[in-house]
Amino acid sequence: MTPEELERIMNFIIERQEEFSRHLAQTQATMAAVAQSQLNYEARMLNHEERLDEHNGRIARFERSYTAISDLLRQHDPQLVTLTTNANDTNQAVANLTGNVAELNGTVTRLVETVDRYIKARGNNGTRGVRLKPRQVAPAA
């Protein structure tokens, strides 16, 4: 082999070693990026699991609260029915009372009108036909 061929072979080997070194550096950089990505992924997964545990805890608390409220409602259902019935009865009684008060008011109004007509018809008896209010003194004649 001639020295040029040996030099060419040596240059080829050196170029391949340099190219291999570049590929090796790129591979190591890629491996580092993959490792960092894996760490980030694991951190996100851990965070997700913590949030999922917290969410599941909230769901469990809600279920316990819902069950407790449901049990209380079942336990007090007869009392609630009684209260509702009593409230409806009270509303009906108030409506009846309102009607009775309106009727009484009408009766009182008619009575006042009758008394006023009576006073005017029989004479004033010293009041000149004017109906006196309580504690009012008749005018001087």
C-alpha atoms as a PDB file:
ATOM      1  CA  MET A   1       0.000   0.000   0.000  1.00  0.00           C
ATOM      2  CA  THR A   2       1.117   3.391  -0.863  1.00  0.00           C
ATOM      3  CA  PRO A   3       1.420   6.192   1.655  1.00  0.00           C
ATOM      4  CA  GLU A   4      -1.448   8.126  -0.062  1.00  0.00           C
ATOM      5  CA  GLU A   5      -3.743   5.161   0.260  1.00  0.00           C
ATOM      6  CA  LEU A   6      -2.757   4.765   3.919  1.00  0.00           C
ATOM      7  CA  GLU A   7      -3.342   8.470   4.491  1.00  0.00           C
ATOM      8  CA  ARG A   8      -6.692   8.274   2.739  1.00  0.00           C
ATOM      9  CA  ILE A   9      -7.660   5.269   4.901  1.00  0.00           C
ATOM     10  CA  MET A  10      -6.492   7.116   8.026  1.00  0.00           C
ATOM     11  CA  ASN A  11      -8.492  10.230   7.040  1.00  0.00           C
ATOM     12  CA  PHE A  12     -11.537   8.040   6.397  1.00  0.00           C
ATOM     13  CA  ILE A  13     -11.144   6.397   9.828  1.00  0.00           C
ATOM     14  CA  ILE A  14     -10.672   9.803  11.509  1.00  0.00           C
ATOM     15  CA  GLU A  15     -13.723  11.244   9.703  1.00  0.00           C
ATOM     16  CA  ARG A  16     -15.799   8.226  10.759  1.00  0.00           C
ATOM     17  CA  GLN A  17     -14.618   8.606  14.357  1.00  0.00           C
ATOM     18  CA  GLU A  18     -15.520  12.319  14.317  1.00  0.00           C
ATOM     19  CA  GLU A  19     -18.914  11.541  12.771  1.00  0.00           C
ATOM     20  CA  PHE A  20     -19.442   8.789  15.351  1.00  0.00           C
ATOM     21  CA  SER A  21     -18.508  11.256  18.122  1.00  0.00           C
ATOM     22  CA  ARG A  22     -21.071  13.783  16.765  1.00  0.00           C
ATOM     23  CA  HIS A  23     -23.745  11.082  16.573  1.00  0.00           C
ATOM     24  CA  LEU A  24     -22.832   9.928  20.055  1.00  0.00           C
ATOM     25  CA  ALA A  25     -23.127  13.509  21.389  1.00  0.00           C
ATOM     26  CA  GLN A  26     -26.491  13.923  19.630  1.00  0.00           C
ATOM     27  CA  THR A  27     -27.664  10.602  21.032  1.00  0.00           C
ATOM     28  CA  GLN A  28     -26.574  11.603  24.539  1.00  0.00           C
ATOM     29  CA  ALA A  29     -28.354  14.978  24.185  1.00  0.00           C
ATOM     30  CA  THR A  30     -31.457  13.171  22.954  1.00  0.00           C
ATOM     31  CA  MET A  31     -31.207  10.692  25.837  1.00  0.00           C
ATOM     32  CA  ALA A  32     -30.916  13.607  28.305  1.00  0.00           C
ATOM     33  CA  ALA A  33     -33.973  15.267  26.741  1.00  0.00           C
ATOM     34  CA  VAL A  34     -35.896  11.986  26.935  1.00  0.00           C
ATOM     35  CA  ALA A  35     -34.856  11.558  30.579  1.00  0.00           C
ATOM     36  CA  GLN A  36     -36.000  15.127  31.365  1.00  0.00           C
ATOM     37  CA  SER A  37     -39.272  14.509  29.541  1.00  0.00           C
ATOM     38  CA  GLN A  38     -39.744  11.324  31.554  1.00  0.00           C
ATOM     39  CA  LEU A  39     -39.131  13.248  34.803  1.00  0.00           C
ATOM     40  CA  ASN A  40     -41.619  15.941  33.741  1.00  0.00           C
ATOM     41  CA  TYR A  41     -44.156  13.263  32.818  1.00  0.00           C
ATOM     42  CA  GLU A  42     -43.720  11.516  36.161  1.00  0.00           C
ATOM     43  CA  ALA A  43     -44.114  14.835  38.004  1.00  0.00           C
ATOM     44  CA  ARG A  44     -47.305  15.606  36.043  1.00  0.00           C
ATOM     45  CA  MET A  45     -48.621  12.111  36.727  1.00  0.00           C
ATOM     46  CA  LEU A  46     -47.886  12.512  40.454  1.00  0.00           C
ATOM     47  CA  ASN A  47     -49.641  15.897  40.465  1.00  0.00           C
ATOM     48  CA  HIS A  48     -52.570  14.362  38.564  1.00  0.00           C
ATOM     49  CA  GLU A  49     -52.795  11.494  41.050  1.00  0.00           C
ATOM     50  CA  GLU A  50     -52.772  13.963  43.975  1.00  0.00           C
ATOM     51  CA  ARG A  51     -55.563  15.990  42.366  1.00  0.00           C
ATOM     52  CA  LEU A  52     -57.467  12.788  41.627  1.00  0.00           C
ATOM     53  CA  ASP A  53     -57.100  11.685  45.266  1.00  0.00           C
ATOM     54  CA  GLU A  54     -58.326  15.112  46.395  1.00  0.00           C
ATOM     55  CA  HIS A  55     -61.245  14.923  43.965  1.00  0.00           C
ATOM     56  CA  ASN A  56     -62.128  11.424  45.141  1.00  0.00           C
ATOM     57  CA  GLY A  57     -61.984  12.679  48.733  1.00  0.00           C
ATOM     58  CA  ARG A  58     -64.426  15.477  47.880  1.00  0.00           C
ATOM     59  CA  ILE A  59     -66.722  12.973  46.195  1.00  0.00           C
ATOM     60  CA  ALA A  60     -66.576  10.721  49.259  1.00  0.00           C
ATOM     61  CA  ARG A  61     -67.366  13.676  51.568  1.00  0.00           C
ATOM     62  CA  PHE A  62     -70.258  14.670  49.322  1.00  0.00           C
ATOM     63  CA  GLU A  63     -71.593  11.105  49.355  1.00  0.00           C
ATOM     64  CA  ARG A  64     -71.362  10.993  53.161  1.00  0.00           C
ATOM     65  CA  SER A  65     -73.119  14.365  53.450  1.00  0.00           C
ATOM     66  CA  TYR A  66     -75.774  13.319  50.950  1.00  0.00           C
ATOM     67  CA  THR A  67     -76.366  10.085  52.861  1.00  0.00           C
ATOM     68  CA  ALA A  68     -76.580  11.926  56.189  1.00  0.00           C
ATOM     69  CA  ILE A  69     -79.038  14.464  54.779  1.00  0.00           C
ATOM     70  CA  SER A  70     -81.070  11.705  53.166  1.00  0.00           C
ATOM     71  CA  ASP A  71     -81.170   9.793  56.460  1.00  0.00           C
ATOM     72  CA  LEU A  72     -82.261  12.948  58.320  1.00  0.00           C
ATOM     73  CA  LEU A  73     -84.997  13.611  55.792  1.00  0.00           C
ATOM     74  CA  ARG A  74     -86.223  10.023  56.036  1.00  0.00           C
ATOM     75  CA  GLN A  75     -86.082  10.210  59.830  1.00  0.00           C
ATOM     76  CA  HIS A  76     -87.980  13.516  59.981  1.00  0.00           C
ATOM     77  CA  ASP A  77     -90.311  12.912  57.031  1.00  0.00           C
ATOM     78  CA  PRO A  78     -93.398  12.398  59.225  1.00  0.00           C
ATOM     79  CA  GLN A  79     -92.601  15.630  61.088  1.00  0.00           C
ATOM     80  CA  LEU A  80     -92.151  17.490  57.794  1.00  0.00           C
ATOM     81  CA  VAL A  81     -95.477  16.145  56.538  1.00  0.00           C
ATOM     82  CA  THR A  82     -97.136  17.228  59.799  1.00  0.00           C
ATOM     83  CA  LEU A  83     -95.555  20.677  59.577  1.00  0.00           C
ATOM     84  CA  THR A  84     -96.671  21.057  55.973  1.00  0.00           C
ATOM     85  CA  THR A  85    -100.201  19.945  56.856  1.00  0.00           C
ATOM     86  CA  ASN A  86    -100.276  22.333  59.827  1.00  0.00           C
ATOM     87  CA  ALA A  87     -98.964  25.172  57.678  1.00  0.00           C
ATOM     88  CA  ASN A  88    -101.663  24.484  55.081  1.00  0.00           C
ATOM     89  CA  ASP A  89    -104.314  24.317  57.823  1.00  0.00           C
ATOM     90  CA  THR A  90    -103.003  27.573  59.300  1.00  0.00           C
ATOM     91  CA  ASN A  91    -103.128  29.236  55.893  1.00  0.00           C
ATOM     92  CA  GLN A  92    -106.716  28.054  55.476  1.00  0.00           C
ATOM     93  CA  ALA A  93    -107.609  29.301  58.966  1.00  0.00           C
ATOM     94  CA  VAL A  94    -106.041  32.697  58.202  1.00  0.00           C
ATOM     95  CA  ALA A  95    -108.011  32.851  54.955  1.00  0.00           C
ATOM     96  CA  ASN A  96    -111.211  31.999  56.828  1.00  0.00           C
ATOM     97  CA  LEU A  97    -110.387  34.559  59.516  1.00  0.00           C
ATOM     98  CA  THR A  98    -109.720  37.189  56.862  1.00  0.00           C
ATOM     99  CA  GLY A  99    -113.103  36.429  55.337  1.00  0.00           C
ATOM    100  CA  ASN A 100    -114.764  36.625  58.750  1.00  0.00           C
ATOM    101  CA  VAL A 101    -113.016  39.931  59.513  1.00  0.00           C
ATOM    102  CA  ALA A 102    -114.176  41.313  56.159  1.00  0.00           C
ATOM    103  CA  GLU A 103    -117.720  40.149  56.951  1.00  0.00           C
ATOM    104  CA  LEU A 104    -117.500  41.667  60.455  1.00  0.00           C
ATOM    105  CA  ASN A 105    -116.169  44.897  58.972  1.00  0.00           C
ATOM    106  CA  GLY A 106    -119.148  44.983  56.608  1.00  0.00           C
ATOM    107  CA  THR A 107    -121.525  44.344  59.511  1.00  0.00           C
ATOM    108  CA  VAL A 108    -119.924  47.105  61.608  1.00  0.00           C
ATOM    109  CA  THR A 109    -120.100  49.483  58.657  1.00  0.00           C
ATOM    110  CA  ARG A 110    -123.802  48.700  58.172  1.00  0.00           C
ATOM    111  CA  LEU A 111    -124.363  49.103  61.946  1.00  0.00           C
ATOM    112  CA  VAL A 112    -122.628  52.492  61.922  1.00  0.00           C
ATOM    113  CA  GLU A 113    -124.782  53.568  58.966  1.00  0.00           C
ATOM    114  CA  THR A 114    -127.919  52.372  60.787  1.00  0.00           C
ATOM    115  CA  VAL A 115    -126.913  54.232  63.963  1.00  0.00           C
ATOM    116  CA  ASP A 116    -126.200  57.387  61.955  1.00  0.00           C
ATOM    117  CA  ARG A 117    -129.641  57.131  60.267  1.00  0.00           C
ATOM    118  CA  TYR A 118    -131.271  56.528  63.653  1.00  0.00           C
ATOM    119  CA  ILE A 119    -129.554  59.556  65.198  1.00  0.00           C
ATOM    120  CA  LYS A 120    -130.575  61.761  62.278  1.00  0.00           C
ATOM    121  CA  ALA A 121    -134.123  60.382  62.285  1.00  0.00           C
ATOM    122  CA  ARG A 122    -134.862  60.767  66.010  1.00  0.00           C
ATOM    123  CA  GLY A 123    -133.374  64.163  66.394  1.00  0.00           C
ATOM    124  CA  ASN A 124    -130.177  65.228  67.893  1.00  0.00           C
ATOM    125  CA  ASN A 125    -131.009  65.039  71.555  1.00  0.00           C
ATOM    126  CA  GLY A 126    -128.761  68.015  72.039  1.00  0.00           C
ATOM    127  CA  THR A 127    -126.134  67.167  69.410  1.00  0.00           C
ATOM    128  CA  ARG A 128    -127.883  68.770  66.395  1.00  0.00           C
ATOM    129  CA  GLY A 129    -127.912  65.492  64.517  1.00  0.00           C
ATOM    130  CA  VAL A 130    -124.123  65.170  64.616  1.00  0.00           C
ATOM    131  CA  ARG A 131    -122.749  61.897  65.783  1.00  0.00           C
ATOM    132  CA  LEU A 132    -120.320  62.378  68.639  1.00  0.00           C
ATOM    133  CA  LYS A 133    -116.999  60.636  68.778  1.00  0.00           C
ATOM    134  CA  PRO A 134    -116.001  59.046  72.045  1.00  0.00           C
ATOM    135  CA  ARG A 135    -115.181  61.639  74.758  1.00  0.00           C
ATOM    136  CA  GLN A 136    -116.524  64.454  72.607  1.00  0.00           C
ATOM    137  CA  VAL A 137    -118.730  66.953  74.328  1.00  0.00           C
ATOM    138  CA  ALA A 138    -121.929  68.128  72.682  1.00  0.00           C
ATOM    139  CA  PRO A 139    -121.734  71.688  71.307  1.00  0.00           C
ATOM    140  CA  ALA A 140    -123.400  74.424  73.273  1.00  0.00           C
ATOM    141  CA  ALA A 141    -126.962  75.169  72.177  1.00  0.00           C
END
